[in-house]
Amino acid sequence: MIQTFLTLFIFIHSCFSQNDDIENIIRYDNFIYNNNIHTVQIFRKGNELSYPIIQLNSTDTLQVCFDDFNLNMQNYYYTIIHCDINWQPSNINFYDYAAGLQFCPVTHFYFSFNTIKKYIHYEIFVPNENLQILKSGNYLLIVYDQNKTPLFSLKFFIYEPLINIEADVFPSQVTEYRKTHHQLKIKLKPFFNCQNPSEEIKIIISQNFRFDNAKTITNPTFILNDEIVYDNYYELLFEAGNEFRWFDAKDVRFQNQTTQNISFKDSFYLFILYPEERRAFNKYINWQDINGKFLIKNNLARNSHTEADYIKVKFIVPLEYTLTHANLYIAGYFNFWKFTKENMLKYNATSKAYETELYLKQGFYNYQILLYDDNKKSAETEFYEGNFSDTENEYLIFVYWKKITTNYWSLVGIKSANSIIK
C-alpha cells in the first residue's frame, strides 16, 4: 500500500513539474493509443448496452472496462477533463468540476481464465470515493501508464435535469426525402431564465450514438411564451439508414445464420461471415437490432469479461468494381464509429469483393457497411445499406446551456427519441 501511494505521488509530481507535452498527444475523442489495449468499453454500471450518460449527483456509476495484452501487472492511472460542446478543454480548473484526486490509480484488475489469448482485464468506476464530479457537461476520461503515456481516452456525459425536452421523429416532410430520411421536431421548456436562446443554448443530436453525422442546432424556429421550438426541415434531417447487420460469436462451437464457417488456426478461431448483400436497391425488411451496439459474451462462461476469448472475423462485401475517392468501412459502436485503416475494407480483385478481418472479443455485434467519401464530412449509408424511413433508430438530443456569468457549457438535459417507438 505504501509503495502504491509513493508511486502515485511521484506520478502526480511529474505531471505538475513538467511542461505538459501530453496535451500534444491527447485526442479529445474515443481513441486507443497503445496497441496492447483492446475492447475498451464505457457504460452505466449494471447495463452493458447503455450509453455513457449519468445524472449529476445521482447514485449512478459509470463502468470502464479494458483488456491489456501486456501480462505484466502495470500501475495505471486515470483522470477526467471537462470539455466544451466542441470537445476541447473547458476554461475551468480541475477542482472547479471535480473533487478528490486528479490522478487516481486503477485498482480493479482480473486475469483472463480459460482463454487461448491471455490478457488482464481492468475496470474503473466513476464517480467513486476518490473522485467526485461537481458539474454537468462533456467529459473525457484518460488512462495513463506510470510514465504519463496515455493508453486510451473515452468520452462520457454528465447531465443535470434543468430543462424539459419534447422530441418527435417522423418521415421527412420534404417530399424528395419522405421515404429515405427521418426528421425531428424539438421543443424545450427551460427551468431557468434564458434571455437569448440562440447564444445560450445549443443542441447536439446523435443518431444511434454516432457522432460523425451528428447535427448541431443553435437557432430556434420560434419562441412562444416559455417554449423554444426547433422545427427546421433541413437542419433536423437524417439519413434513415437500414436495420443493422449482426454476427453472433458467443459460441465457437456452432455456426449460425450469418456465419458460413468457423475454423481454428494460428491459435485463434476464425469466423468467416457470409458475403454481405448490398441492400440499397432492395425492399426494406424489418428485424430487431440493438442499434449498432455490442455485447461481450461467451455462452460457456460465468464471467464473460474475463472468460471471453479473442477471435478473428472475416467480412466479405461483394462489389463488381473498385471505388475511387471513397472507401467502405465496417462500423458500429464497437469501434466508436471510427473510420480507420483497421476497419477499412480492401478490394480483392480475384473474388471481386471488399474484404477485411477484425480481431474482436467474443460476443454479439451490430454493424453497418458505410461509405466514406474523401470529399465529405461524414459517412453515408445510401451506397450499400440504403435509406428507408421505416428504419428504427434511436436519436439522442443533448441540450447545452452556457450562462452569461460562466465560462463553460453545462449539459442541462438529454432526451431519447425513437423513430418507431412512441
Protein backbone atom coordinates (compact mmCIF):
# COMPACT_ATOMS: atom_id res chain seq x y z
CA MET A 1 0.00 0.00 0.00
CA ILE A 2 2.85 2.39 0.89
CA GLN A 3 4.52 1.58 -2.44
CA THR A 4 1.26 2.33 -4.32
CA PHE A 5 0.87 5.76 -2.73
CA LEU A 6 4.56 6.53 -3.26
CA THR A 7 4.23 5.67 -6.96
CA LEU A 8 1.07 7.80 -7.18
CA PHE A 9 2.86 10.75 -5.53
CA ILE A 10 5.75 10.51 -7.99
CA PHE A 11 3.30 10.27 -10.90
CA ILE A 12 1.31 13.34 -9.82
CA HIS A 13 4.50 15.30 -9.10
CA SER A 14 5.83 14.54 -12.58
CA CYS A 15 2.54 15.69 -14.11
CA PHE A 16 2.76 19.11 -12.46
CA SER A 17 6.52 19.59 -12.51
CA GLN A 18 6.92 19.31 -16.28
CA ASN A 19 5.50 21.10 -19.27
CA ASP A 20 2.54 19.04 -20.34
CA ASP A 21 3.76 17.59 -23.61
CA ILE A 22 0.93 15.11 -23.19
CA GLU A 23 -1.51 17.75 -24.41
CA ASN A 24 0.08 17.41 -27.85
CA ILE A 25 -0.68 13.67 -27.84
CA ILE A 26 -4.19 13.51 -26.44
CA ARG A 27 -7.07 13.39 -28.87
CA TYR A 28 -10.24 14.68 -27.30
CA ASP A 29 -12.13 11.72 -28.62
CA ASN A 30 -12.61 7.99 -28.10
CA PHE A 31 -9.15 6.77 -29.03
CA ILE A 32 -6.72 3.95 -28.19
CA TYR A 33 -3.04 4.99 -28.17
CA ASN A 34 -1.46 1.69 -27.11
CA ASN A 35 -1.59 -1.46 -29.28
CA ASN A 36 -1.78 -3.71 -26.22
CA ILE A 37 -5.16 -2.25 -25.21
CA HIS A 38 -8.31 -3.89 -26.57
CA THR A 39 -12.09 -3.90 -26.09
CA VAL A 40 -12.41 -0.55 -24.37
CA GLN A 41 -15.94 -0.08 -23.04
CA ILE A 42 -17.80 2.52 -21.01
CA PHE A 43 -21.38 2.11 -19.85
CA ARG A 44 -23.67 2.73 -16.91
CA LYS A 45 -22.90 0.11 -14.27
CA GLY A 46 -25.42 -2.70 -14.41
CA ASN A 47 -26.32 -2.23 -18.08
CA GLU A 48 -23.64 -3.05 -20.65
CA LEU A 49 -25.91 -1.92 -23.50
CA SER A 50 -26.31 1.57 -22.04
CA TYR A 51 -24.58 4.72 -23.23
CA PRO A 52 -22.02 6.53 -21.00
CA ILE A 53 -24.53 9.00 -19.60
CA ILE A 54 -25.42 9.56 -15.94
CA GLN A 55 -27.17 12.27 -13.95
CA LEU A 56 -25.19 14.64 -11.77
CA ASN A 57 -25.42 13.90 -8.03
CA SER A 58 -27.27 10.62 -8.64
CA THR A 59 -26.36 7.15 -7.42
CA ASP A 60 -25.49 6.05 -10.97
CA THR A 61 -21.94 5.00 -11.75
CA LEU A 62 -20.05 4.63 -15.00
CA GLN A 63 -18.03 1.47 -15.54
CA VAL A 64 -14.94 1.47 -17.76
CA CYS A 65 -13.51 -1.87 -18.92
CA PHE A 66 -10.45 -2.69 -21.00
CA ASP A 67 -8.15 -5.63 -21.72
CA ASP A 68 -4.38 -5.41 -21.68
CA PHE A 69 -2.34 -7.93 -23.68
CA ASN A 70 0.71 -6.96 -21.61
CA LEU A 71 0.66 -9.70 -18.97
CA ASN A 72 2.98 -7.86 -16.59
CA MET A 73 1.00 -6.00 -13.97
CA GLN A 74 1.12 -2.25 -14.52
CA ASN A 75 0.47 0.83 -12.42
CA TYR A 76 -2.22 2.66 -14.36
CA TYR A 77 -3.90 5.96 -13.51
CA TYR A 78 -6.81 7.95 -14.82
CA THR A 79 -8.10 11.48 -14.79
CA ILE A 80 -11.06 13.38 -16.23
CA ILE A 81 -11.22 16.62 -18.22
CA HIS A 82 -14.28 18.82 -18.59
CA CYS A 83 -14.85 19.73 -22.26
CA ASP A 84 -16.93 22.21 -24.21
CA ILE A 85 -19.50 21.31 -26.86
CA ASN A 86 -16.71 21.01 -29.45
CA TRP A 87 -14.75 18.60 -27.26
CA GLN A 88 -11.98 20.98 -26.35
CA PRO A 89 -10.90 21.50 -22.70
CA SER A 90 -13.16 23.92 -20.86
CA ASN A 91 -11.61 27.04 -19.41
CA ILE A 92 -12.04 25.90 -15.81
CA ASN A 93 -9.73 24.37 -13.24
CA PHE A 94 -9.90 20.66 -12.37
CA TYR A 95 -11.06 21.41 -8.83
CA ASP A 96 -13.91 23.54 -10.16
CA TYR A 97 -15.54 20.48 -11.76
CA ALA A 98 -14.21 17.65 -9.60
CA ALA A 99 -13.34 16.83 -6.01
CA GLY A 100 -10.76 14.32 -4.84
CA LEU A 101 -7.66 13.03 -6.61
CA GLN A 102 -6.79 14.43 -10.00
CA PHE A 103 -4.95 11.22 -10.88
CA CYS A 104 -6.50 8.06 -9.45
CA PRO A 105 -4.91 4.60 -9.51
CA VAL A 106 -6.64 1.77 -11.38
CA THR A 107 -7.13 -0.81 -8.65
CA HIS A 108 -9.56 -3.35 -10.15
CA PHE A 109 -7.90 -5.98 -12.34
CA TYR A 110 -8.51 -9.65 -13.17
CA PHE A 111 -6.55 -12.24 -15.16
CA SER A 112 -8.27 -13.97 -18.07
CA PHE A 113 -9.43 -17.51 -17.38
CA ASN A 114 -9.75 -20.46 -19.77
CA THR A 115 -8.88 -18.33 -22.79
CA ILE A 116 -6.46 -19.05 -25.60
CA LYS A 117 -5.44 -15.40 -25.75
CA LYS A 118 -4.24 -14.33 -22.31
CA TYR A 119 -4.95 -10.82 -21.05
CA ILE A 120 -5.50 -8.76 -17.91
CA HIS A 121 -8.93 -7.21 -17.60
CA TYR A 122 -9.07 -3.82 -15.84
CA GLU A 123 -12.10 -1.92 -14.55
CA ILE A 124 -12.70 1.66 -13.39
CA PHE A 125 -15.80 3.09 -11.70
CA VAL A 126 -16.59 6.82 -11.86
CA PRO A 127 -17.54 8.67 -9.72
CA ASN A 128 -16.10 6.97 -6.65
CA GLU A 129 -14.79 7.74 -3.16
CA ASN A 130 -11.56 9.15 -4.64
CA LEU A 131 -13.13 11.22 -7.43
CA GLN A 132 -16.45 13.06 -7.40
CA ILE A 133 -17.92 15.13 -10.25
CA LEU A 134 -19.29 18.58 -9.43
CA LYS A 135 -20.53 19.95 -12.75
CA SER A 136 -22.55 18.68 -15.69
CA GLY A 137 -21.14 18.64 -19.21
CA ASN A 138 -18.96 16.71 -21.62
CA TYR A 139 -16.08 14.77 -20.08
CA LEU A 140 -13.03 12.96 -21.34
CA LEU A 141 -11.54 10.15 -19.25
CA ILE A 142 -7.87 9.41 -19.91
CA VAL A 143 -5.96 6.37 -18.67
CA TYR A 144 -2.16 6.68 -18.36
CA ASP A 145 0.70 4.39 -17.51
CA GLN A 146 3.22 5.35 -14.80
CA ASN A 147 5.35 7.15 -17.42
CA LYS A 148 2.46 9.50 -18.12
CA THR A 149 1.89 7.92 -21.53
CA PRO A 150 -1.80 7.69 -22.47
CA LEU A 151 -3.34 4.28 -23.08
CA PHE A 152 -6.75 5.47 -24.26
CA SER A 153 -9.31 8.25 -23.92
CA LEU A 154 -13.10 7.96 -23.62
CA LYS A 155 -15.97 10.41 -23.84
CA PHE A 156 -18.79 10.44 -21.31
CA PHE A 157 -21.66 12.74 -20.35
CA ILE A 158 -22.92 14.10 -17.03
CA TYR A 159 -26.27 15.89 -17.19
CA GLU A 160 -28.47 17.79 -14.75
CA PRO A 161 -32.23 17.94 -15.41
CA LEU A 162 -32.75 21.69 -15.83
CA ILE A 163 -34.93 21.62 -18.92
CA ASN A 164 -37.97 19.79 -20.25
CA ILE A 165 -37.40 18.26 -23.69
CA GLU A 166 -40.06 17.04 -26.09
CA ALA A 167 -38.96 15.39 -29.33
CA ASP A 168 -40.74 13.70 -32.21
CA VAL A 169 -39.20 11.66 -35.04
CA PHE A 170 -41.08 11.06 -38.28
CA PRO A 171 -40.52 10.61 -42.05
CA SER A 172 -39.29 13.81 -43.63
CA GLN A 173 -41.89 16.39 -44.61
CA VAL A 174 -39.73 17.27 -47.62
CA THR A 175 -41.25 15.24 -50.48
CA GLU A 176 -37.97 14.07 -52.03
CA TYR A 177 -36.77 12.69 -48.66
CA ARG A 178 -40.03 11.25 -47.37
CA LYS A 179 -39.12 7.58 -47.97
CA THR A 180 -35.43 7.84 -47.11
CA HIS A 181 -34.92 10.30 -44.23
CA HIS A 182 -36.03 10.98 -40.67
CA GLN A 183 -36.90 14.43 -39.43
CA LEU A 184 -37.06 15.71 -35.87
CA LYS A 185 -39.05 18.38 -34.11
CA ILE A 186 -37.83 19.55 -30.70
CA LYS A 187 -39.48 21.67 -28.01
CA LEU A 188 -37.62 22.98 -24.98
CA LYS A 189 -39.01 24.42 -21.78
CA PRO A 190 -36.16 25.63 -19.53
CA PHE A 191 -36.42 25.66 -15.75
CA PHE A 192 -34.01 28.61 -15.74
CA ASN A 193 -34.05 32.17 -17.05
CA CYS A 194 -32.80 32.15 -20.64
CA GLN A 195 -32.51 35.61 -22.18
CA ASN A 196 -31.06 34.71 -25.56
CA PRO A 197 -31.59 31.06 -26.64
CA SER A 198 -29.59 31.47 -29.87
CA GLU A 199 -26.49 32.34 -27.83
CA GLU A 200 -27.05 30.49 -24.56
CA ILE A 201 -28.48 27.15 -25.76
CA LYS A 202 -27.03 24.66 -28.22
CA ILE A 203 -28.45 21.27 -29.19
CA ILE A 204 -26.50 18.29 -30.49
CA ILE A 205 -28.43 15.37 -31.98
CA SER A 206 -26.89 11.93 -32.41
CA GLN A 207 -28.34 9.01 -34.34
CA ASN A 208 -27.64 5.73 -32.51
CA PHE A 209 -24.81 7.44 -30.59
CA ARG A 210 -22.94 8.06 -33.81
CA PHE A 211 -21.29 11.49 -33.96
CA ASP A 212 -19.69 11.84 -37.39
CA ASN A 213 -23.15 12.72 -38.76
CA ALA A 214 -24.43 14.49 -35.63
CA LYS A 215 -26.33 17.78 -36.00
CA THR A 216 -25.56 20.94 -34.04
CA ILE A 217 -28.57 23.25 -33.77
CA THR A 218 -28.33 26.82 -32.49
CA ASN A 219 -31.21 28.88 -33.85
CA PRO A 220 -34.78 28.10 -32.78
CA THR A 221 -37.56 28.26 -35.37
CA PHE A 222 -39.68 30.31 -33.00
CA ILE A 223 -40.18 31.10 -29.31
CA LEU A 224 -43.67 31.04 -27.85
CA ASN A 225 -44.07 32.16 -24.24
CA ASP A 226 -41.61 29.95 -22.35
CA GLU A 227 -41.35 27.28 -25.07
CA ILE A 228 -38.44 27.16 -27.55
CA VAL A 229 -39.24 25.27 -30.76
CA TYR A 230 -36.81 23.81 -33.31
CA ASP A 231 -38.60 22.69 -36.48
CA ASN A 232 -36.27 23.39 -39.41
CA TYR A 233 -36.93 20.82 -42.15
CA TYR A 234 -33.33 20.62 -43.37
CA GLU A 235 -31.31 21.20 -40.18
CA LEU A 236 -33.13 18.35 -38.43
CA LEU A 237 -32.89 15.86 -41.30
CA PHE A 238 -31.07 12.49 -41.02
CA GLU A 239 -30.46 9.65 -43.46
CA ALA A 240 -32.68 6.92 -42.02
CA GLY A 241 -30.31 4.10 -42.99
CA ASN A 242 -31.32 0.47 -42.58
CA GLU A 243 -31.59 -2.06 -39.76
CA PHE A 244 -28.18 -3.16 -38.53
CA ARG A 245 -26.36 -6.24 -39.70
CA TRP A 246 -25.17 -8.60 -36.99
CA PHE A 247 -22.97 -11.54 -36.19
CA ASP A 248 -23.01 -13.83 -33.19
CA ALA A 249 -19.68 -15.08 -31.86
CA LYS A 250 -20.81 -16.06 -28.37
CA ASP A 251 -20.02 -19.72 -29.03
CA VAL A 252 -17.09 -21.00 -31.09
CA ARG A 253 -18.69 -24.45 -31.45
CA PHE A 254 -21.66 -23.56 -33.61
CA GLN A 255 -22.30 -21.67 -36.82
CA ASN A 256 -25.39 -19.51 -37.15
CA GLN A 257 -27.27 -17.82 -39.99
CA THR A 258 -24.62 -15.13 -40.53
CA THR A 259 -21.53 -17.38 -40.24
CA GLN A 260 -20.58 -19.73 -43.07
CA ASN A 261 -17.51 -21.25 -41.44
CA ILE A 262 -15.61 -21.41 -38.14
CA SER A 263 -12.07 -22.75 -38.12
CA PHE A 264 -9.17 -22.84 -35.69
CA LYS A 265 -5.72 -21.87 -36.90
CA ASP A 266 -2.69 -19.94 -35.69
CA SER A 267 -4.03 -20.07 -32.10
CA PHE A 268 -7.34 -18.33 -32.72
CA TYR A 269 -10.80 -19.05 -34.07
CA LEU A 270 -11.68 -17.53 -37.43
CA PHE A 271 -15.33 -16.71 -38.14
CA ILE A 272 -15.97 -16.27 -41.87
CA LEU A 273 -19.26 -14.47 -42.39
CA TYR A 274 -21.48 -14.98 -45.40
CA PRO A 275 -20.95 -12.38 -48.16
CA GLU A 276 -22.81 -9.20 -47.29
CA GLU A 277 -25.75 -8.44 -49.55
CA ARG A 278 -25.99 -4.93 -50.94
CA ARG A 279 -29.34 -3.64 -49.66
CA ALA A 280 -29.52 -0.20 -51.24
CA PHE A 281 -31.89 -1.36 -54.02
CA ASN A 282 -33.83 -3.96 -52.04
CA LYS A 283 -37.14 -3.58 -50.27
CA TYR A 284 -36.97 -2.67 -46.60
CA ILE A 285 -37.12 -5.69 -44.28
CA ASN A 286 -37.82 -5.18 -40.60
CA TRP A 287 -35.91 -7.07 -37.92
CA GLN A 288 -34.95 -6.36 -34.35
CA ASP A 289 -31.47 -5.00 -33.74
CA ILE A 290 -29.64 -3.21 -30.92
CA ASN A 291 -28.95 -0.01 -32.88
CA GLY A 292 -25.28 -0.57 -33.52
CA LYS A 293 -24.30 -1.69 -30.02
CA PHE A 294 -22.41 -4.82 -28.99
CA LEU A 295 -22.33 -7.19 -26.03
CA ILE A 296 -19.27 -9.09 -24.81
CA LYS A 297 -20.41 -12.64 -24.17
CA ASN A 298 -19.14 -16.22 -24.04
CA ASN A 299 -22.04 -18.66 -23.67
CA LEU A 300 -19.86 -21.08 -21.73
CA ALA A 301 -18.53 -18.50 -19.26
CA ARG A 302 -19.61 -17.37 -15.83
CA ASN A 303 -17.88 -14.02 -16.30
CA SER A 304 -17.56 -13.06 -19.95
CA HIS A 305 -15.32 -10.07 -19.18
CA THR A 306 -12.51 -12.45 -18.20
CA GLU A 307 -13.55 -15.69 -19.96
CA ALA A 308 -14.48 -14.46 -23.43
CA ASP A 309 -11.71 -15.18 -25.93
CA TYR A 310 -10.37 -13.16 -28.84
CA ILE A 311 -11.31 -14.25 -32.35
CA LYS A 312 -10.93 -13.04 -35.93
CA VAL A 313 -13.98 -12.19 -38.01
CA LYS A 314 -13.78 -12.03 -41.80
CA PHE A 315 -16.17 -9.73 -43.67
CA ILE A 316 -16.83 -10.13 -47.40
CA VAL A 317 -18.56 -7.29 -49.25
CA PRO A 318 -19.15 -8.17 -52.93
CA LEU A 319 -18.77 -5.37 -55.46
CA GLU A 320 -18.05 -5.65 -59.19
CA TYR A 321 -15.77 -2.62 -59.26
CA THR A 322 -13.36 -0.66 -57.12
CA LEU A 323 -14.29 2.69 -55.65
CA THR A 324 -12.41 5.91 -56.34
CA HIS A 325 -12.19 8.78 -53.86
CA ALA A 326 -14.12 6.73 -51.28
CA ASN A 327 -13.73 3.66 -49.05
CA LEU A 328 -16.01 1.14 -47.39
CA TYR A 329 -15.84 0.54 -43.63
CA ILE A 330 -17.23 -1.89 -41.08
CA ALA A 331 -18.54 0.46 -38.41
CA GLY A 332 -20.55 0.32 -35.21
CA TYR A 333 -20.37 1.28 -31.56
CA PHE A 334 -17.79 -1.49 -31.01
CA ASN A 335 -15.22 0.73 -32.78
CA PHE A 336 -16.87 4.03 -31.75
CA TRP A 337 -17.98 4.60 -35.36
CA LYS A 338 -14.39 5.30 -36.39
CA PHE A 339 -13.21 5.14 -39.98
CA THR A 340 -9.62 3.93 -39.72
CA LYS A 341 -7.34 1.59 -41.65
CA GLU A 342 -8.15 -1.16 -39.14
CA ASN A 343 -11.83 -1.36 -40.15
CA MET A 344 -11.45 -0.28 -43.77
CA LEU A 345 -12.29 -2.94 -46.37
CA LYS A 346 -9.71 -3.75 -49.06
CA TYR A 347 -10.61 -4.81 -52.57
CA ASN A 348 -9.85 -8.39 -53.66
CA ALA A 349 -9.82 -8.46 -57.48
CA THR A 350 -9.94 -12.27 -57.55
CA SER A 351 -13.13 -12.57 -55.50
CA LYS A 352 -14.49 -9.22 -56.71
CA ALA A 353 -15.25 -8.21 -53.17
CA TYR A 354 -14.07 -5.85 -50.47
CA GLU A 355 -12.71 -7.82 -47.52
CA THR A 356 -11.20 -7.38 -44.09
CA GLU A 357 -10.57 -9.30 -40.88
CA LEU A 358 -11.20 -7.76 -37.47
CA TYR A 359 -9.73 -9.01 -34.20
CA LEU A 360 -12.54 -8.90 -31.67
CA LYS A 361 -13.59 -10.27 -28.32
CA GLN A 362 -16.35 -12.89 -28.29
CA GLY A 363 -19.86 -11.52 -28.23
CA PHE A 364 -22.83 -10.25 -30.23
CA TYR A 365 -22.16 -7.34 -32.57
CA ASN A 366 -24.25 -4.93 -34.64
CA TYR A 367 -22.57 -3.12 -37.52
CA GLN A 368 -23.12 -1.40 -40.85
CA ILE A 369 -21.17 -1.09 -44.09
CA LEU A 370 -20.65 2.62 -44.62
CA LEU A 371 -19.13 4.57 -47.48
CA TYR A 372 -16.81 7.41 -46.57
CA ASP A 373 -16.19 9.83 -49.40
CA ASP A 374 -12.92 11.78 -49.19
CA ASN A 375 -14.80 14.98 -50.01
CA LYS A 376 -17.49 14.65 -47.33
CA LYS A 377 -17.54 15.23 -43.59
CA SER A 378 -19.49 12.11 -42.62
CA ALA A 379 -20.01 8.54 -43.82
CA GLU A 380 -23.18 7.60 -45.70
CA THR A 381 -25.49 4.61 -45.57
CA GLU A 382 -27.07 5.08 -49.00
CA PHE A 383 -24.45 3.30 -51.10
CA TYR A 384 -24.52 -0.19 -49.52
CA GLU A 385 -27.19 -0.20 -46.80
CA GLY A 386 -29.80 2.04 -48.39
CA ASN A 387 -32.08 4.55 -46.64
CA PHE A 388 -35.60 3.69 -45.54
CA SER A 389 -37.80 5.89 -43.36
CA ASP A 390 -39.32 2.71 -41.86
CA THR A 391 -35.99 2.01 -40.14
CA GLU A 392 -35.97 2.06 -36.34
CA ASN A 393 -33.34 4.46 -34.98
CA GLU A 394 -32.67 6.00 -31.60
CA TYR A 395 -31.95 9.73 -31.56
CA LEU A 396 -30.27 11.30 -28.54
CA ILE A 397 -30.83 15.02 -28.01
CA PHE A 398 -28.15 16.74 -25.88
CA VAL A 399 -29.07 20.24 -24.68
CA TYR A 400 -26.27 22.54 -23.50
CA TRP A 401 -26.54 25.87 -21.71
CA LYS A 402 -23.88 28.50 -21.12
CA LYS A 403 -24.88 31.18 -18.66
CA ILE A 404 -23.59 34.68 -19.28
CA THR A 405 -21.83 34.55 -15.91
CA THR A 406 -19.98 31.27 -16.56
CA ASN A 407 -17.22 30.18 -18.91
CA TYR A 408 -18.25 26.57 -19.51
CA TRP A 409 -21.13 24.66 -21.09
CA SER A 410 -23.49 22.74 -18.80
CA LEU A 411 -25.38 19.72 -20.09
CA VAL A 412 -28.87 20.56 -18.84
CA GLY A 413 -30.86 17.76 -20.41
CA ILE A 414 -30.80 14.61 -22.54
CA LYS A 415 -33.76 13.09 -24.35
CA SER A 416 -34.02 9.81 -26.25
CA ALA A 417 -36.45 9.79 -29.17
CA ASN A 418 -37.23 6.69 -31.26
CA SER A 419 -38.37 6.72 -34.88
CA ILE A 420 -40.80 3.84 -34.25
CA ILE A 421 -41.47 3.57 -30.51
CA LYS A 422 -43.57 6.49 -29.26
